[in-house]
Amino acid sequence: MGDKNCPSYLYLKGKTFYFNRHVPLDLKGHYKTRQIRLCLKTASPFEAAKAARSIAHCSN
């Protein structure tokens, strides 16, 4: 997302925001996929950024 208020691991599909992050190398043995994708169930960029930061444990 080009918006500086939205973290780069958010993407918009239709009207709904999704969270997408690569699995860290040290945890790849615990996951079958290379990425973690979650539906954030919101169309609000502010709420999506807030939820994504909470999931990623970032303090930006």
C-alpha atoms as a PDB file:
ATOM      1  CA  MET A   1       0.000   0.000   0.000  1.00  0.00           C
ATOM      2  CA  GLY A   2       1.650   3.305  -0.791  1.00  0.00           C
ATOM      3  CA  ASP A   3       0.098   5.009   2.237  1.00  0.00           C
ATOM      4  CA  LYS A   4       2.614   5.671   5.008  1.00  0.00           C
ATOM      5  CA  ASN A   5      -0.124   5.036   7.614  1.00  0.00           C
ATOM      6  CA  CYS A   6      -0.512   1.445   6.397  1.00  0.00           C
ATOM      7  CA  PRO A   7       2.241  -1.071   7.083  1.00  0.00           C
ATOM      8  CA  SER A   8       3.721  -2.745   3.996  1.00  0.00           C
ATOM      9  CA  TYR A   9       2.377  -6.134   5.063  1.00  0.00           C
ATOM     10  CA  LEU A  10      -1.217  -5.054   4.481  1.00  0.00           C
ATOM     11  CA  TYR A  11      -2.967  -5.518   1.190  1.00  0.00           C
ATOM     12  CA  LEU A  12      -6.441  -4.768  -0.052  1.00  0.00           C
ATOM     13  CA  LYS A  13      -8.507  -7.457  -1.761  1.00  0.00           C
ATOM     14  CA  GLY A  14     -11.822  -6.060  -2.901  1.00  0.00           C
ATOM     15  CA  LYS A  15     -12.875  -3.897   0.040  1.00  0.00           C
ATOM     16  CA  THR A  16     -11.237  -6.018   2.750  1.00  0.00           C
ATOM     17  CA  PHE A  17      -7.735  -5.682   4.173  1.00  0.00           C
ATOM     18  CA  TYR A  18      -5.485  -8.698   4.643  1.00  0.00           C
ATOM     19  CA  PHE A  19      -2.301  -9.232   6.651  1.00  0.00           C
ATOM     20  CA  ASN A  20       0.604 -10.955   4.886  1.00  0.00           C
ATOM     21  CA  ARG A  21       4.065 -11.763   6.286  1.00  0.00           C
ATOM     22  CA  HIS A  22       6.801 -14.206   5.346  1.00  0.00           C
ATOM     23  CA  VAL A  23       7.560 -16.921   7.872  1.00  0.00           C
ATOM     24  CA  PRO A  24      10.981 -16.236   9.472  1.00  0.00           C
ATOM     25  CA  LEU A  25      13.766 -18.661   8.540  1.00  0.00           C
ATOM     26  CA  ASP A  26      14.095 -20.016  12.077  1.00  0.00           C
ATOM     27  CA  LEU A  27      10.377 -20.939  12.137  1.00  0.00           C
ATOM     28  CA  LYS A  28      10.010 -22.449   8.653  1.00  0.00           C
ATOM     29  CA  GLY A  29      10.195 -25.969  10.075  1.00  0.00           C
ATOM     30  CA  HIS A  30       6.964 -25.340  12.012  1.00  0.00           C
ATOM     31  CA  TYR A  31       4.901 -24.084   9.047  1.00  0.00           C
ATOM     32  CA  LYS A  32       3.865 -25.761   5.816  1.00  0.00           C
ATOM     33  CA  THR A  33       3.652 -22.461   3.929  1.00  0.00           C
ATOM     34  CA  ARG A  34       6.167 -19.682   3.292  1.00  0.00           C
ATOM     35  CA  GLN A  35       3.713 -16.902   4.183  1.00  0.00           C
ATOM     36  CA  ILE A  36       1.130 -16.173   6.841  1.00  0.00           C
ATOM     37  CA  ARG A  37      -2.044 -14.558   5.488  1.00  0.00           C
ATOM     38  CA  LEU A  38      -4.959 -13.444   7.628  1.00  0.00           C
ATOM     39  CA  CYS A  39      -8.184 -11.651   6.771  1.00  0.00           C
ATOM     40  CA  LEU A  40      -8.523  -8.593   9.019  1.00  0.00           C
ATOM     41  CA  LYS A  41     -12.280  -8.318   8.323  1.00  0.00           C
ATOM     42  CA  THR A  42     -12.231  -4.553   7.921  1.00  0.00           C
ATOM     43  CA  ALA A  43     -12.395  -2.013   5.103  1.00  0.00           C
ATOM     44  CA  SER A  44     -10.921   0.754   7.251  1.00  0.00           C
ATOM     45  CA  PRO A  45      -7.217   1.463   6.618  1.00  0.00           C
ATOM     46  CA  PHE A  46      -6.831   2.781  10.182  1.00  0.00           C
ATOM     47  CA  GLU A  47      -8.370  -0.325  11.780  1.00  0.00           C
ATOM     48  CA  ALA A  48      -6.410  -2.617   9.448  1.00  0.00           C
ATOM     49  CA  ALA A  49      -3.101  -0.929  10.345  1.00  0.00           C
ATOM     50  CA  LYS A  50      -3.961  -1.139  14.042  1.00  0.00           C
ATOM     51  CA  ALA A  51      -4.807  -4.858  13.789  1.00  0.00           C
ATOM     52  CA  ALA A  52      -1.734  -5.628  11.669  1.00  0.00           C
ATOM     53  CA  ARG A  53       0.579  -3.891  14.139  1.00  0.00           C
ATOM     54  CA  SER A  54      -1.002  -5.875  16.944  1.00  0.00           C
ATOM     55  CA  ILE A  55      -0.493  -9.145  15.068  1.00  0.00           C
ATOM     56  CA  ALA A  56       3.104  -8.277  14.119  1.00  0.00           C
ATOM     57  CA  HIS A  57       3.867  -6.867  17.601  1.00  0.00           C
ATOM     58  CA  CYS A  58       5.221  -3.640  16.158  1.00  0.00           C
ATOM     59  CA  SER A  59       5.113  -0.378  18.069  1.00  0.00           C
ATOM     60  CA  ASN A  60       5.035   2.046  15.091  1.00  0.00           C
END
